C-alpha atoms as a PDB file:
ATOM      1  CA  MET A   1     137.157 151.064 100.100  1.00  0.00           C
ATOM      2  CA  ASN A   2     139.250 148.003 100.684  1.00  0.00           C
ATOM      3  CA  HIS A   3     139.366 147.560 104.445  1.00  0.00           C
ATOM      4  CA  SER A   4     141.839 144.690 104.127  1.00  0.00           C
ATOM      5  CA  LEU A   5     144.537 147.230 103.204  1.00  0.00           C
ATOM      6  CA  SER A   6     144.069 149.287 106.332  1.00  0.00           C
ATOM      7  CA  THR A   7     143.519 146.515 108.863  1.00  0.00           C
ATOM      8  CA  PRO A   8     146.759 145.659 110.704  1.00  0.00           C
ATOM      9  CA  THR A   9     147.839 142.075 110.361  1.00  0.00           C
ATOM     10  CA  SER A  10     148.022 140.353 113.747  1.00  0.00           C
ATOM     11  CA  ALA A  11     150.887 138.027 114.538  1.00  0.00           C
ATOM     12  CA  PRO A  12     150.019 134.349 114.394  1.00  0.00           C
ATOM     13  CA  ALA A  13     149.083 132.958 117.776  1.00  0.00           C
ATOM     14  CA  PRO A  14     151.758 130.712 119.304  1.00  0.00           C
ATOM     15  CA  LEU A  15     151.051 127.042 119.016  1.00  0.00           C
ATOM     16  CA  PRO A  16     150.067 125.273 122.263  1.00  0.00           C
ATOM     17  CA  ARG A  17     153.313 123.322 122.243  1.00  0.00           C
ATOM     18  CA  GLN A  18     155.287 126.552 121.899  1.00  0.00           C
ATOM     19  CA  LYS A  19     153.444 127.964 124.881  1.00  0.00           C
ATOM     20  CA  GLN A  20     154.432 124.910 126.894  1.00  0.00           C
ATOM     21  CA  ILE A  21     158.087 124.880 125.865  1.00  0.00           C
ATOM     22  CA  ALA A  22     158.914 128.585 125.982  1.00  0.00           C
ATOM     23  CA  PRO A  23     158.705 128.969 129.799  1.00  0.00           C
ATOM     24  CA  LEU A  24     161.091 126.024 130.219  1.00  0.00           C
ATOM     25  CA  LEU A  25     163.891 127.381 128.038  1.00  0.00           C
ATOM     26  CA  PRO A  26     165.619 129.777 130.510  1.00  0.00           C
ATOM     27  CA  GLY A  27     165.856 127.146 133.232  1.00  0.00           C
ATOM     28  CA  LEU A  28     166.888 124.401 130.806  1.00  0.00           C
ATOM     29  CA  LEU A  29     169.632 126.626 129.389  1.00  0.00           C
ATOM     30  CA  LEU A  30     170.871 127.338 132.915  1.00  0.00           C
ATOM     31  CA  THR A  31     170.950 123.715 134.074  1.00  0.00           C
ATOM     32  CA  THR A  32     172.455 122.531 130.787  1.00  0.00           C
ATOM     33  CA  GLY A  33     175.098 125.265 130.932  1.00  0.00           C
ATOM     34  CA  ILE A  34     176.056 124.239 134.464  1.00  0.00           C
ATOM     35  CA  ALA A  35     176.235 120.596 133.342  1.00  0.00           C
ATOM     36  CA  VAL A  36     178.554 121.474 130.447  1.00  0.00           C
ATOM     37  CA  LEU A  37     180.733 123.549 132.767  1.00  0.00           C
ATOM     38  CA  ALA A  38     180.828 120.690 135.286  1.00  0.00           C
ATOM     39  CA  PHE A  39     182.147 118.311 132.619  1.00  0.00           C
ATOM     40  CA  VAL A  40     184.753 120.905 131.601  1.00  0.00           C
ATOM     41  CA  VAL A  41     185.868 121.308 135.218  1.00  0.00           C
ATOM     42  CA  GLN A  42     186.008 117.552 135.773  1.00  0.00           C
ATOM     43  CA  ARG A  43     188.060 116.882 132.667  1.00  0.00           C
ATOM     44  CA  GLY A  44     190.282 119.883 133.238  1.00  0.00           C
ATOM     45  CA  SER A  45     191.061 118.728 136.763  1.00  0.00           C
ATOM     46  CA  GLY A  46     192.414 115.396 135.539  1.00  0.00           C
ATOM     47  CA  LEU A  47     190.754 113.692 138.514  1.00  0.00           C
ATOM     48  CA  ALA A  48     188.815 110.661 137.350  1.00  0.00           C
ATOM     49  CA  ALA A  49     187.212 110.312 140.795  1.00  0.00           C
ATOM     50  CA  LEU A  50     185.762 113.826 140.606  1.00  0.00           C
ATOM     51  CA  SER A  51     182.202 113.282 139.440  1.00  0.00           C
ATOM     52  CA  PRO A  52     180.672 115.943 137.182  1.00  0.00           C
ATOM     53  CA  LEU A  53     177.399 115.191 138.943  1.00  0.00           C
ATOM     54  CA  VAL A  54     178.873 116.382 142.241  1.00  0.00           C
ATOM     55  CA  VAL A  55     180.499 119.390 140.577  1.00  0.00           C
ATOM     56  CA  ALA A  56     177.163 120.409 139.032  1.00  0.00           C
ATOM     57  CA  MET A  57     175.380 120.011 142.363  1.00  0.00           C
ATOM     58  CA  VAL A  58     177.890 122.221 144.150  1.00  0.00           C
ATOM     59  CA  MET A  59     177.780 124.836 141.384  1.00  0.00           C
ATOM     60  CA  GLY A  60     173.993 125.026 141.537  1.00  0.00           C
ATOM     61  CA  LEU A  61     174.012 125.153 145.324  1.00  0.00           C
ATOM     62  CA  VAL A  62     176.530 127.990 145.418  1.00  0.00           C
ATOM     63  CA  LEU A  63     174.689 129.952 142.734  1.00  0.00           C
ATOM     64  CA  ARG A  64     171.316 129.636 144.459  1.00  0.00           C
ATOM     65  CA  ASN A  65     172.564 130.560 147.923  1.00  0.00           C
ATOM     66  CA  THR A  66     174.830 133.437 146.928  1.00  0.00           C
ATOM     67  CA  LEU A  67     173.013 135.181 144.070  1.00  0.00           C
ATOM     68  CA  GLY A  68     169.546 133.783 144.740  1.00  0.00           C
ATOM     69  CA  ALA A  69     167.101 132.165 142.335  1.00  0.00           C
ATOM     70  CA  VAL A  70     167.615 133.347 138.762  1.00  0.00           C
ATOM     71  CA  PRO A  71     164.384 135.043 137.588  1.00  0.00           C
ATOM     72  CA  GLY A  72     162.400 133.154 134.981  1.00  0.00           C
ATOM     73  CA  THR A  73     164.266 129.865 135.429  1.00  0.00           C
ATOM     74  CA  ALA A  74     162.016 128.089 137.942  1.00  0.00           C
ATOM     75  CA  PRO A  75     159.901 126.094 135.409  1.00  0.00           C
ATOM     76  CA  GLY A  76     162.941 124.838 133.502  1.00  0.00           C
ATOM     77  CA  VAL A  77     164.835 123.992 136.703  1.00  0.00           C
ATOM     78  CA  ALA A  78     161.851 122.027 138.018  1.00  0.00           C
ATOM     79  CA  PHE A  79     161.566 120.241 134.656  1.00  0.00           C
ATOM     80  CA  SER A  80     165.271 119.331 134.821  1.00  0.00           C
ATOM     81  CA  LEU A  81     165.021 117.977 138.343  1.00  0.00           C
ATOM     82  CA  ARG A  82     161.903 115.937 137.775  1.00  0.00           C
ATOM     83  CA  ARG A  83     161.300 115.010 134.143  1.00  0.00           C
ATOM     84  CA  ILE A  84     164.916 114.877 132.971  1.00  0.00           C
ATOM     85  CA  LEU A  85     166.009 113.064 136.123  1.00  0.00           C
ATOM     86  CA  ARG A  86     163.328 110.422 135.721  1.00  0.00           C
ATOM     87  CA  PHE A  87     164.098 109.953 132.025  1.00  0.00           C
ATOM     88  CA  ALA A  88     167.769 109.529 132.917  1.00  0.00           C
ATOM     89  CA  ILE A  89     166.840 106.923 135.509  1.00  0.00           C
ATOM     90  CA  ILE A  90     164.921 105.014 132.850  1.00  0.00           C
ATOM     91  CA  LEU A  91     167.989 105.129 130.595  1.00  0.00           C
ATOM     92  CA  LEU A  92     170.085 103.722 133.454  1.00  0.00           C
ATOM     93  CA  GLY A  93     168.267 100.469 132.770  1.00  0.00           C
ATOM     94  CA  PHE A  94     170.480 100.022 129.712  1.00  0.00           C
ATOM     95  CA  GLN A  95     173.429  99.571 132.092  1.00  0.00           C
ATOM     96  CA  ILE A  96     171.815  96.731 134.052  1.00  0.00           C
ATOM     97  CA  THR A  97     170.467  93.288 133.186  1.00  0.00           C
ATOM     98  CA  LEU A  98     168.313  90.795 135.041  1.00  0.00           C
ATOM     99  CA  GLY A  99     171.491  88.821 135.628  1.00  0.00           C
ATOM    100  CA  ASP A 100     172.851  91.787 137.600  1.00  0.00           C
ATOM    101  CA  LEU A 101     169.717  91.805 139.745  1.00  0.00           C
ATOM    102  CA  ALA A 102     170.192  88.121 140.478  1.00  0.00           C
ATOM    103  CA  ASP A 103     173.800  88.746 141.487  1.00  0.00           C
ATOM    104  CA  ILE A 104     172.762  91.036 144.365  1.00  0.00           C
ATOM    105  CA  GLY A 105     170.807  88.253 145.986  1.00  0.00           C
ATOM    106  CA  PRO A 106     167.879  88.021 148.418  1.00  0.00           C
ATOM    107  CA  GLY A 107     170.068  88.947 151.378  1.00  0.00           C
ATOM    108  CA  ALA A 108     170.873  92.374 149.989  1.00  0.00           C
ATOM    109  CA  LEU A 109     167.227  92.971 149.090  1.00  0.00           C
ATOM    110  CA  ALA A 110     166.177  92.011 152.599  1.00  0.00           C
ATOM    111  CA  ALA A 111     168.755  94.443 154.011  1.00  0.00           C
ATOM    112  CA  VAL A 112     167.413  97.273 151.854  1.00  0.00           C
ATOM    113  CA  VAL A 113     163.772  96.650 152.812  1.00  0.00           C
ATOM    114  CA  LEU A 114     164.509  96.262 156.522  1.00  0.00           C
ATOM    115  CA  THR A 115     166.581  99.445 156.485  1.00  0.00           C
ATOM    116  CA  LEU A 116     163.737 101.358 154.844  1.00  0.00           C
ATOM    117  CA  LEU A 117     161.066 100.139 157.250  1.00  0.00           C
ATOM    118  CA  SER A 118     163.130 100.608 160.400  1.00  0.00           C
ATOM    119  CA  THR A 119     164.171 104.116 159.326  1.00  0.00           C
ATOM    120  CA  PHE A 120     160.589 105.182 158.671  1.00  0.00           C
ATOM    121  CA  VAL A 121     159.412 103.895 162.053  1.00  0.00           C
ATOM    122  CA  PHE A 122     162.421 105.376 163.883  1.00  0.00           C
ATOM    123  CA  THR A 123     161.910 108.798 162.309  1.00  0.00           C
ATOM    124  CA  LYS A 124     158.220 108.866 163.200  1.00  0.00           C
ATOM    125  CA  LEU A 125     158.981 107.918 166.819  1.00  0.00           C
ATOM    126  CA  ALA A 126     161.900 110.342 167.071  1.00  0.00           C
ATOM    127  CA  GLY A 127     159.740 113.135 165.662  1.00  0.00           C
ATOM    128  CA  ARG A 128     157.125 112.477 168.320  1.00  0.00           C
ATOM    129  CA  ALA A 129     159.777 112.489 171.040  1.00  0.00           C
ATOM    130  CA  LEU A 130     161.224 115.778 169.749  1.00  0.00           C
ATOM    131  CA  GLY A 131     157.818 117.412 169.493  1.00  0.00           C
ATOM    132  CA  VAL A 132     157.936 117.797 165.719  1.00  0.00           C
ATOM    133  CA  ASP A 133     154.570 118.054 163.947  1.00  0.00           C
ATOM    134  CA  ARG A 134     153.304 114.636 162.853  1.00  0.00           C
ATOM    135  CA  LYS A 135     152.890 115.588 159.203  1.00  0.00           C
ATOM    136  CA  LEU A 136     156.361 117.099 158.964  1.00  0.00           C
ATOM    137  CA  SER A 137     157.850 114.055 160.716  1.00  0.00           C
ATOM    138  CA  GLU A 138     156.047 111.793 158.243  1.00  0.00           C
ATOM    139  CA  LEU A 139     157.425 113.702 155.257  1.00  0.00           C
ATOM    140  CA  ILE A 140     160.970 113.681 156.600  1.00  0.00           C
ATOM    141  CA  ALA A 141     160.613 109.951 157.313  1.00  0.00           C
ATOM    142  CA  ALA A 142     159.436 109.256 153.763  1.00  0.00           C
ATOM    143  CA  GLY A 143     162.151 111.379 152.168  1.00  0.00           C
ATOM    144  CA  THR A 144     164.896 109.815 154.242  1.00  0.00           C
ATOM    145  CA  SER A 145     163.824 106.198 154.027  1.00  0.00           C
ATOM    146  CA  VAL A 146     162.650 106.014 150.400  1.00  0.00           C
ATOM    147  CA  CYS A 147     163.737 108.512 147.771  1.00  0.00           C
ATOM    148  CA  GLY A 148     164.180 112.077 148.946  1.00  0.00           C
ATOM    149  CA  ALA A 149     162.160 114.899 147.416  1.00  0.00           C
ATOM    150  CA  SER A 150     160.123 112.582 145.182  1.00  0.00           C
ATOM    151  CA  ALA A 151     158.908 110.631 148.198  1.00  0.00           C
ATOM    152  CA  VAL A 152     158.129 113.831 150.112  1.00  0.00           C
ATOM    153  CA  VAL A 153     155.965 115.218 147.316  1.00  0.00           C
ATOM    154  CA  ALA A 154     154.304 111.881 146.586  1.00  0.00           C
ATOM    155  CA  CYS A 155     153.557 111.081 150.221  1.00  0.00           C
ATOM    156  CA  ASN A 156     152.138 114.549 150.823  1.00  0.00           C
ATOM    157  CA  ALA A 157     149.253 113.551 148.555  1.00  0.00           C
ATOM    158  CA  VAL A 158     147.949 111.564 151.518  1.00  0.00           C
ATOM    159  CA  THR A 159     149.746 113.250 154.421  1.00  0.00           C
ATOM    160  CA  GLN A 160     148.267 116.657 153.432  1.00  0.00           C
ATOM    161  CA  GLY A 161     150.986 118.738 155.068  1.00  0.00           C
ATOM    162  CA  GLN A 162     151.325 122.492 154.655  1.00  0.00           C
ATOM    163  CA  ASP A 163     153.466 123.952 151.883  1.00  0.00           C
ATOM    164  CA  GLU A 164     156.007 124.946 154.521  1.00  0.00           C
ATOM    165  CA  ASP A 165     156.185 121.332 155.697  1.00  0.00           C
ATOM    166  CA  VAL A 166     156.858 120.105 152.177  1.00  0.00           C
ATOM    167  CA  ALA A 167     159.487 122.776 151.545  1.00  0.00           C
ATOM    168  CA  TYR A 168     161.214 122.079 154.846  1.00  0.00           C
ATOM    169  CA  ALA A 169     161.220 118.313 154.345  1.00  0.00           C
ATOM    170  CA  ILE A 170     162.580 118.622 150.804  1.00  0.00           C
ATOM    171  CA  ALA A 171     165.287 121.037 151.887  1.00  0.00           C
ATOM    172  CA  CYS A 172     166.138 118.801 154.831  1.00  0.00           C
ATOM    173  CA  VAL A 173     166.523 115.541 152.908  1.00  0.00           C
ATOM    174  CA  THR A 174     168.309 117.321 150.059  1.00  0.00           C
ATOM    175  CA  VAL A 175     170.911 118.906 152.315  1.00  0.00           C
ATOM    176  CA  PHE A 176     171.562 115.797 154.402  1.00  0.00           C
ATOM    177  CA  GLY A 177     171.484 113.618 151.312  1.00  0.00           C
ATOM    178  CA  SER A 178     174.056 115.895 149.710  1.00  0.00           C
ATOM    179  CA  ILE A 179     176.255 115.623 152.793  1.00  0.00           C
ATOM    180  CA  ALA A 180     175.994 111.835 152.549  1.00  0.00           C
ATOM    181  CA  MET A 181     176.722 111.972 148.815  1.00  0.00           C
ATOM    182  CA  LEU A 182     179.953 113.850 149.465  1.00  0.00           C
ATOM    183  CA  GLY A 183     180.920 111.969 152.631  1.00  0.00           C
ATOM    184  CA  TYR A 184     180.285 108.321 151.744  1.00  0.00           C
ATOM    185  CA  PRO A 185     183.107 108.038 149.163  1.00  0.00           C
ATOM    186  CA  LEU A 186     185.542 109.275 151.820  1.00  0.00           C
ATOM    187  CA  LEU A 187     184.475 106.413 154.123  1.00  0.00           C
ATOM    188  CA  ALA A 188     184.766 103.573 151.602  1.00  0.00           C
ATOM    189  CA  GLY A 189     188.481 103.057 152.261  1.00  0.00           C
ATOM    190  CA  PRO A 190     188.503 103.410 156.072  1.00  0.00           C
ATOM    191  CA  LEU A 191     185.532 101.044 156.369  1.00  0.00           C
ATOM    192  CA  GLY A 192     187.154  98.511 154.052  1.00  0.00           C
ATOM    193  CA  LEU A 193     184.070  98.127 151.904  1.00  0.00           C
ATOM    194  CA  SER A 194     184.146  96.217 148.633  1.00  0.00           C
ATOM    195  CA  PRO A 195     182.740  98.040 145.589  1.00  0.00           C
ATOM    196  CA  GLN A 196     179.517  96.016 145.741  1.00  0.00           C
ATOM    197  CA  SER A 197     179.057  96.552 149.490  1.00  0.00           C
ATOM    198  CA  PHE A 198     179.702 100.259 149.114  1.00  0.00           C
ATOM    199  CA  GLY A 199     177.195 100.483 146.269  1.00  0.00           C
ATOM    200  CA  LEU A 200     174.557  98.634 148.273  1.00  0.00           C
ATOM    201  CA  TRP A 201     175.213 100.893 151.258  1.00  0.00           C
ATOM    202  CA  ALA A 202     174.934 104.040 149.169  1.00  0.00           C
ATOM    203  CA  GLY A 203     171.853 102.825 147.313  1.00  0.00           C
ATOM    204  CA  GLY A 204     170.189 101.550 150.449  1.00  0.00           C
ATOM    205  CA  THR A 205     170.697 104.674 152.565  1.00  0.00           C
ATOM    206  CA  ILE A 206     171.335 107.901 150.598  1.00  0.00           C
ATOM    207  CA  HIS A 207     168.178 109.918 150.017  1.00  0.00           C
ATOM    208  CA  GLU A 208     167.932 111.016 146.356  1.00  0.00           C
ATOM    209  CA  VAL A 209     168.415 108.784 143.324  1.00  0.00           C
ATOM    210  CA  ALA A 210     170.821 111.232 141.731  1.00  0.00           C
ATOM    211  CA  GLN A 211     172.802 111.505 144.966  1.00  0.00           C
ATOM    212  CA  VAL A 212     173.142 107.719 145.048  1.00  0.00           C
ATOM    213  CA  VAL A 213     174.376 107.633 141.467  1.00  0.00           C
ATOM    214  CA  ALA A 214     176.887 110.423 142.152  1.00  0.00           C
ATOM    215  CA  ALA A 215     178.268 108.709 145.266  1.00  0.00           C
ATOM    216  CA  ALA A 216     178.185 105.082 144.112  1.00  0.00           C
ATOM    217  CA  PHE A 217     179.910 105.531 140.752  1.00  0.00           C
ATOM    218  CA  THR A 218     182.923 107.172 142.433  1.00  0.00           C
ATOM    219  CA  GLN A 219     183.926 103.635 143.448  1.00  0.00           C
ATOM    220  CA  GLY A 220     183.625 102.158 139.976  1.00  0.00           C
ATOM    221  CA  GLU A 221     181.111 100.560 137.652  1.00  0.00           C
ATOM    222  CA  LEU A 222     180.214  97.642 139.959  1.00  0.00           C
ATOM    223  CA  ALA A 223     179.548  99.981 142.883  1.00  0.00           C
ATOM    224  CA  GLY A 224     177.501 102.251 140.662  1.00  0.00           C
ATOM    225  CA  GLN A 225     175.338  99.455 139.322  1.00  0.00           C
ATOM    226  CA  SER A 226     174.838  97.944 142.788  1.00  0.00           C
ATOM    227  CA  GLY A 227     173.906 101.352 144.170  1.00  0.00           C
ATOM    228  CA  THR A 228     171.457 102.030 141.354  1.00  0.00           C
ATOM    229  CA  ILE A 229     169.713  98.683 141.764  1.00  0.00           C
ATOM    230  CA  ALA A 230     169.535  99.050 145.553  1.00  0.00           C
ATOM    231  CA  LYS A 231     168.158 102.568 145.234  1.00  0.00           C
ATOM    232  CA  LEU A 232     165.558 101.588 142.652  1.00  0.00           C
ATOM    233  CA  SER A 233     164.526  98.755 144.972  1.00  0.00           C
ATOM    234  CA  ARG A 234     163.788 101.428 147.578  1.00  0.00           C
ATOM    235  CA  VAL A 235     161.918 103.566 145.060  1.00  0.00           C
ATOM    236  CA  MET A 236     159.748 100.579 144.192  1.00  0.00           C
ATOM    237  CA  MET A 237     158.669 100.571 147.850  1.00  0.00           C
ATOM    238  CA  LEU A 238     157.199 104.054 147.439  1.00  0.00           C
ATOM    239  CA  ALA A 239     153.881 102.750 146.107  1.00  0.00           C
ATOM    240  CA  PRO A 240     153.143 100.370 149.035  1.00  0.00           C
ATOM    241  CA  LEU A 241     154.341 103.045 151.484  1.00  0.00           C
ATOM    242  CA  ILE A 242     151.919 105.601 150.069  1.00  0.00           C
ATOM    243  CA  ILE A 243     149.104 103.056 150.188  1.00  0.00           C
ATOM    244  CA  GLY A 244     149.926 102.382 153.835  1.00  0.00           C
ATOM    245  CA  LEU A 245     149.984 106.097 154.638  1.00  0.00           C
ATOM    246  CA  GLY A 246     146.665 106.470 152.820  1.00  0.00           C
ATOM    247  CA  VAL A 247     145.108 103.754 154.962  1.00  0.00           C
ATOM    248  CA  MET A 248     146.333 105.453 158.139  1.00  0.00           C
ATOM    249  CA  ALA A 249     145.133 108.852 156.890  1.00  0.00           C
ATOM    250  CA  SER A 250     141.708 107.395 156.094  1.00  0.00           C
ATOM    251  CA  ARG A 251     141.420 105.925 159.560  1.00  0.00           C
ATOM    252  CA  ARG A 252     142.376 109.255 161.142  1.00  0.00           C
ATOM    253  CA  ALA A 253     139.873 111.038 158.896  1.00  0.00           C
ATOM    254  CA  GLN A 254     137.108 108.611 159.828  1.00  0.00           C
ATOM    255  CA  GLY A 255     137.928 109.201 163.458  1.00  0.00           C
ATOM    256  CA  ASP A 256     137.497 112.940 162.857  1.00  0.00           C
ATOM    257  CA  GLY A 257     134.325 112.446 160.815  1.00  0.00           C
ATOM    258  CA  ARG A 258     136.022 113.347 157.498  1.00  0.00           C
ATOM    259  CA  LYS A 259     136.781 111.452 154.288  1.00  0.00           C
ATOM    260  CA  SER A 260     140.239 111.339 152.756  1.00  0.00           C
ATOM    261  CA  GLU A 261     140.091 111.758 148.994  1.00  0.00           C
ATOM    262  CA  ALA A 262     143.796 112.020 148.282  1.00  0.00           C
ATOM    263  CA  ARG A 263     145.139 109.803 145.542  1.00  0.00           C
ATOM    264  CA  ALA A 264     148.694 108.528 145.744  1.00  0.00           C
ATOM    265  CA  PRO A 265     150.742 108.906 142.563  1.00  0.00           C
ATOM    266  CA  LEU A 266     152.726 105.901 141.418  1.00  0.00           C
ATOM    267  CA  PRO A 267     156.441 106.190 140.599  1.00  0.00           C
ATOM    268  CA  TRP A 268     155.909 105.542 136.865  1.00  0.00           C
ATOM    269  CA  PHE A 269     159.572 106.022 135.996  1.00  0.00           C
ATOM    270  CA  VAL A 270     160.450 102.938 138.045  1.00  0.00           C
ATOM    271  CA  PHE A 271     158.321 100.819 135.742  1.00  0.00           C
ATOM    272  CA  GLY A 272     160.062 102.417 132.774  1.00  0.00           C
ATOM    273  CA  PHE A 273     163.408 101.507 134.329  1.00  0.00           C
ATOM    274  CA  ILE A 274     162.273  97.903 134.810  1.00  0.00           C
ATOM    275  CA  ALA A 275     161.054  97.705 131.214  1.00  0.00           C
ATOM    276  CA  VAL A 276     164.417  98.940 129.915  1.00  0.00           C
ATOM    277  CA  VAL A 277     166.281  96.448 132.130  1.00  0.00           C
ATOM    278  CA  VAL A 278     164.207  93.636 130.648  1.00  0.00           C
ATOM    279  CA  LEU A 279     164.810  94.952 127.132  1.00  0.00           C
ATOM    280  CA  ASN A 280     168.548  95.207 127.818  1.00  0.00           C
ATOM    281  CA  SER A 281     168.505  91.609 129.055  1.00  0.00           C
ATOM    282  CA  VAL A 282     166.935  90.135 125.944  1.00  0.00           C
ATOM    283  CA  ILE A 283     168.565  92.129 123.139  1.00  0.00           C
ATOM    284  CA  GLU A 284     172.208  92.837 122.401  1.00  0.00           C
ATOM    285  CA  ILE A 285     172.996  96.524 121.932  1.00  0.00           C
ATOM    286  CA  PRO A 286     176.048  97.374 119.763  1.00  0.00           C
ATOM    287  CA  PRO A 287     178.977  98.630 121.891  1.00  0.00           C
ATOM    288  CA  ALA A 288     179.111 102.007 120.111  1.00  0.00           C
ATOM    289  CA  THR A 289     175.402 102.625 120.697  1.00  0.00           C
ATOM    290  CA  HIS A 290     175.670 101.466 124.267  1.00  0.00           C
ATOM    291  CA  GLY A 291     178.518 103.907 124.877  1.00  0.00           C
ATOM    292  CA  GLN A 292     176.465 106.770 123.488  1.00  0.00           C
ATOM    293  CA  ILE A 293     173.554 105.871 125.755  1.00  0.00           C
ATOM    294  CA  VAL A 294     175.856 105.789 128.800  1.00  0.00           C
ATOM    295  CA  THR A 295     177.294 109.210 127.924  1.00  0.00           C
ATOM    296  CA  ALA A 296     173.842 110.701 127.363  1.00  0.00           C
ATOM    297  CA  THR A 297     172.608 109.246 130.639  1.00  0.00           C
ATOM    298  CA  SER A 298     175.516 110.745 132.553  1.00  0.00           C
ATOM    299  CA  PHE A 299     174.933 114.159 131.001  1.00  0.00           C
ATOM    300  CA  LEU A 300     171.202 114.098 131.773  1.00  0.00           C
ATOM    301  CA  LEU A 301     171.927 113.142 135.378  1.00  0.00           C
ATOM    302  CA  THR A 302     174.387 116.035 135.587  1.00  0.00           C
ATOM    303  CA  ILE A 303     171.671 118.415 134.395  1.00  0.00           C
ATOM    304  CA  ALA A 304     169.372 117.051 137.100  1.00  0.00           C
ATOM    305  CA  LEU A 305     172.021 117.515 139.779  1.00  0.00           C
ATOM    306  CA  ALA A 306     172.544 121.107 138.683  1.00  0.00           C
ATOM    307  CA  ALA A 307     168.811 121.647 139.099  1.00  0.00           C
ATOM    308  CA  MET A 308     168.885 120.032 142.519  1.00  0.00           C
ATOM    309  CA  GLY A 309     171.526 122.504 143.643  1.00  0.00           C
ATOM    310  CA  LEU A 310     169.555 125.409 142.187  1.00  0.00           C
ATOM    311  CA  GLU A 311     166.447 124.347 144.134  1.00  0.00           C
ATOM    312  CA  THR A 312     168.226 123.945 147.466  1.00  0.00           C
ATOM    313  CA  ASP A 313     167.696 126.979 149.681  1.00  0.00           C
ATOM    314  CA  VAL A 314     169.562 126.420 152.937  1.00  0.00           C
ATOM    315  CA  HIS A 315     167.593 129.218 154.594  1.00  0.00           C
ATOM    316  CA  LYS A 316     164.455 127.063 154.482  1.00  0.00           C
ATOM    317  CA  LEU A 317     165.938 124.932 157.228  1.00  0.00           C
ATOM    318  CA  ARG A 318     165.608 127.849 159.664  1.00  0.00           C
ATOM    319  CA  ARG A 319     161.914 128.557 159.224  1.00  0.00           C
ATOM    320  CA  LYS A 320     160.588 125.975 161.660  1.00  0.00           C
ATOM    321  CA  GLY A 321     163.391 125.921 164.173  1.00  0.00           C
ATOM    322  CA  LEU A 322     166.049 123.361 164.883  1.00  0.00           C
ATOM    323  CA  ARG A 323     163.995 120.372 166.013  1.00  0.00           C
ATOM    324  CA  PRO A 324     162.958 119.215 162.516  1.00  0.00           C
ATOM    325  CA  LEU A 325     166.540 119.789 161.404  1.00  0.00           C
ATOM    326  CA  LEU A 326     167.735 117.616 164.271  1.00  0.00           C
ATOM    327  CA  LEU A 327     165.173 114.994 163.268  1.00  0.00           C
ATOM    328  CA  GLY A 328     166.533 114.956 159.708  1.00  0.00           C
ATOM    329  CA  ALA A 329     170.080 114.575 161.031  1.00  0.00           C
ATOM    330  CA  LEU A 330     169.080 111.739 163.366  1.00  0.00           C
ATOM    331  CA  ALA A 331     167.175 109.965 160.590  1.00  0.00           C
ATOM    332  CA  THR A 332     170.149 110.262 158.238  1.00  0.00           C
ATOM    333  CA  ALA A 333     172.544 108.932 160.873  1.00  0.00           C
ATOM    334  CA  PHE A 334     170.163 106.086 161.699  1.00  0.00           C
ATOM    335  CA  ILE A 335     169.706 104.936 158.116  1.00  0.00           C
ATOM    336  CA  ALA A 336     173.459 105.155 157.467  1.00  0.00           C
ATOM    337  CA  VAL A 337     174.430 103.049 160.488  1.00  0.00           C
ATOM    338  CA  THR A 338     171.528 100.602 160.302  1.00  0.00           C
ATOM    339  CA  GLY A 339     171.887 100.132 156.563  1.00  0.00           C
ATOM    340  CA  LEU A 340     175.613  99.466 156.812  1.00  0.00           C
ATOM    341  CA  GLY A 341     175.092  96.934 159.594  1.00  0.00           C
ATOM    342  CA  LEU A 342     172.331  95.051 157.772  1.00  0.00           C
ATOM    343  CA  ILE A 343     174.241  94.993 154.498  1.00  0.00           C
ATOM    344  CA  LEU A 344     177.362  93.604 156.149  1.00  0.00           C
ATOM    345  CA  LEU A 345     175.216  91.081 158.011  1.00  0.00           C
ATOM    346  CA  LEU A 346     172.828  89.918 155.265  1.00  0.00           C
ATOM    347  CA  ALA A 347     174.303  90.832 151.870  1.00  0.00           C
END
């Protein structure tokens, strides 16, 4: 008897790569669909100042907080917010050259660094005064002063806060960063800021990279480029900040008789951005190709902003009371005012 005729044929096992990609598809389709719709809304409105990045953020935020998280989309949404966002940031390097970096000048760089350091210290001290847990205060300080959610997650490698602390800090800096993203363009005129000054202010004080890009480019190409460079200058400070936090954590652990084994991740996408800036400075890219890269970059950033909205749960801000929320508000106000003053003074 031929057993091969009666034995059912099993389906071929999915390839490892298929197993990795399949869970991402629902979330990627959702964020991409929102991005496409945001571009349709922006172009249909006829308002050049209406950024599709902002439209996508608002759409995602409304969807998440009215209908809730869409089942099965979490992996793809997280991929959009992290991997796609960072790849888009790298591509932003094609819009900047080393000559642009030189144009900002040492004064502006000094303003950005001083704003970051003073905001971190202020937030830590304010958190202590308000009675907010040290670890939560540290995460809110990192997210506000450096680069939002990325800084919160990265710094928690050495801060070792609870999951609730991380979630609260991310929600806090995302919400207040979004408020800044929407509010800053409305203040450019009343404050009489030049495009470059506005870009430096946005890049030096708004929390998330994508939020900076969304706000800064509303005032034109020069403002957008200045904001991007200023923001990436802050992101570059993430590595030394994490090292500093690691040193402090190690000292606290030694005082408690423990050893800190946390390793601080480096912001690798920043180095990719720098490499692309250098490449863009030494080679001449055809205008048609350059335009395609700019369009692709904008679309990828819009996808990331949609994901940011989809991951923002405003109810998380209520879980630990109002004091950490007040701390986030104070930190945001401090960095906005201090950054503006230092930029006007030094830049």
